[in-house]
Every structure is written in C-alpha cells, then in structure tokens.
Amino acid sequence: MSDRNAPPAAPHLEEMRAEMELRIADATDFRSTVRETPAGLVAATILVSTILLSAAVLVRAARGRPY
C-alpha cells in the first residue's frame, strides 16, 4: 500500500540510500529503493542476533542432555 504521489520524507543527516533496477526480458521490470540510517542498521542487527540466539537455545533444549 504505497502511495507513489506522496512527497518524499525529509532526509536524515546520516541517511544511506540504495536503488536497484532489474529487468528480465522485455516484460518484467523490478525497481527497488532503500533508505537506511546507522541506527536502523544497528537495530536490525540486534533483532537478527536475538532471533538466531533464541533459535540456538531452542535447538539445544530439544536435543536434550546426554547422560
């Protein structure tokens, strides 16, 4: 639900941008734009690390302890 006519948000001082365009044959065209700040990258890293750590704990608990 993206509004293509919406005005762009005000840029952040430390904002990083990336744009990509992918064409497959003549019929398919994909365009992607990403805006990210260093704080957002840190937050995403913490989130992924937490998920992976909890998954490792669950796998270890599921295996049980050998006696």
C-alpha atoms as a PDB file:
ATOM      1  CA  MET A   1       0.000   0.000   0.000  1.00  0.00           C
ATOM      2  CA  SER A   2       2.454   2.576  -1.211  1.00  0.00           C
ATOM      3  CA  ASP A   3       1.325   5.989  -2.344  1.00  0.00           C
ATOM      4  CA  ARG A   4       3.580   6.940  -5.250  1.00  0.00           C
ATOM      5  CA  ASN A   5       2.307  10.518  -5.206  1.00  0.00           C
ATOM      6  CA  ALA A   6       3.302  11.130  -1.582  1.00  0.00           C
ATOM      7  CA  PRO A   7       6.062  13.690  -1.068  1.00  0.00           C
ATOM      8  CA  PRO A   8       9.434  12.211  -0.065  1.00  0.00           C
ATOM      9  CA  ALA A   9      10.288  12.264   3.610  1.00  0.00           C
ATOM     10  CA  ALA A  10      12.835  14.766   4.856  1.00  0.00           C
ATOM     11  CA  PRO A  11      16.331  13.286   4.534  1.00  0.00           C
ATOM     12  CA  HIS A  12      18.196  12.261   7.641  1.00  0.00           C
ATOM     13  CA  LEU A  13      21.701  13.656   8.078  1.00  0.00           C
ATOM     14  CA  GLU A  14      23.285  10.196   8.122  1.00  0.00           C
ATOM     15  CA  GLU A  15      20.874   8.526   5.717  1.00  0.00           C
ATOM     16  CA  MET A  16      22.176   5.939   3.250  1.00  0.00           C
ATOM     17  CA  ARG A  17      20.308   5.241   0.020  1.00  0.00           C
ATOM     18  CA  ALA A  18      20.416   2.443  -2.495  1.00  0.00           C
ATOM     19  CA  GLU A  19      18.471   1.989  -5.699  1.00  0.00           C
ATOM     20  CA  MET A  20      18.243  -1.096  -7.877  1.00  0.00           C
ATOM     21  CA  GLU A  21      16.576  -1.851 -11.177  1.00  0.00           C
ATOM     22  CA  LEU A  22      16.239  -5.382 -12.521  1.00  0.00           C
ATOM     23  CA  ARG A  23      14.912  -6.211 -15.978  1.00  0.00           C
ATOM     24  CA  ILE A  24      14.066  -9.733 -17.047  1.00  0.00           C
ATOM     25  CA  ALA A  25      13.360  -9.935 -20.759  1.00  0.00           C
ATOM     26  CA  ASP A  26      11.112  -7.173 -22.065  1.00  0.00           C
ATOM     27  CA  ALA A  27       8.045  -7.846 -19.949  1.00  0.00           C
ATOM     28  CA  THR A  28       9.315  -7.691 -16.364  1.00  0.00           C
ATOM     29  CA  ASP A  29      10.803  -4.685 -14.620  1.00  0.00           C
ATOM     30  CA  PHE A  30      11.581  -4.511 -10.886  1.00  0.00           C
ATOM     31  CA  ARG A  31      12.617  -1.314  -9.117  1.00  0.00           C
ATOM     32  CA  SER A  32      13.628  -1.010  -5.504  1.00  0.00           C
ATOM     33  CA  THR A  33      14.723   1.908  -3.335  1.00  0.00           C
ATOM     34  CA  VAL A  34      16.056   1.574   0.203  1.00  0.00           C
ATOM     35  CA  ARG A  35      16.709   4.289   2.752  1.00  0.00           C
ATOM     36  CA  GLU A  36      18.541   3.377   5.945  1.00  0.00           C
ATOM     37  CA  THR A  37      20.207   5.109   8.868  1.00  0.00           C
ATOM     38  CA  PRO A  38      23.029   3.739  11.032  1.00  0.00           C
ATOM     39  CA  ALA A  39      20.629   3.422  13.967  1.00  0.00           C
ATOM     40  CA  GLY A  40      18.291   1.319  11.822  1.00  0.00           C
ATOM     41  CA  LEU A  41      21.157  -0.984  10.845  1.00  0.00           C
ATOM     42  CA  VAL A  42      22.120  -1.456  14.494  1.00  0.00           C
ATOM     43  CA  ALA A  43      18.503  -2.200  15.426  1.00  0.00           C
ATOM     44  CA  ALA A  44      18.177  -4.762  12.615  1.00  0.00           C
ATOM     45  CA  THR A  45      21.447  -6.417  13.680  1.00  0.00           C
ATOM     46  CA  ILE A  46      20.284  -6.706  17.285  1.00  0.00           C
ATOM     47  CA  LEU A  47      16.945  -8.158  16.153  1.00  0.00           C
ATOM     48  CA  VAL A  48      18.526 -10.808  13.921  1.00  0.00           C
ATOM     49  CA  SER A  49      21.111 -11.717  16.583  1.00  0.00           C
ATOM     50  CA  THR A  50      18.383 -12.172  19.177  1.00  0.00           C
ATOM     51  CA  ILE A  51      16.357 -14.417  16.863  1.00  0.00           C
ATOM     52  CA  LEU A  52      19.372 -16.577  16.000  1.00  0.00           C
ATOM     53  CA  LEU A  53      20.435 -16.875  19.638  1.00  0.00           C
ATOM     54  CA  SER A  54      16.958 -17.937  20.751  1.00  0.00           C
ATOM     55  CA  ALA A  55      16.763 -20.468  17.910  1.00  0.00           C
ATOM     56  CA  ALA A  56      20.094 -21.961  19.011  1.00  0.00           C
ATOM     57  CA  VAL A  57      18.836 -22.251  22.593  1.00  0.00           C
ATOM     58  CA  LEU A  58      15.645 -23.982  21.431  1.00  0.00           C
ATOM     59  CA  VAL A  59      17.579 -26.462  19.269  1.00  0.00           C
ATOM     60  CA  ARG A  60      19.905 -27.303  22.143  1.00  0.00           C
ATOM     61  CA  ALA A  61      16.958 -27.767  24.514  1.00  0.00           C
ATOM     62  CA  ALA A  62      15.156 -30.004  22.006  1.00  0.00           C
ATOM     63  CA  ARG A  63      18.163 -32.319  21.679  1.00  0.00           C
ATOM     64  CA  GLY A  64      18.220 -32.953  25.389  1.00  0.00           C
ATOM     65  CA  ARG A  65      21.262 -33.643  27.512  1.00  0.00           C
ATOM     66  CA  PRO A  66      23.106 -36.938  27.095  1.00  0.00           C
ATOM     67  CA  TYR A  67      23.538 -38.888  30.355  1.00  0.00           C
END
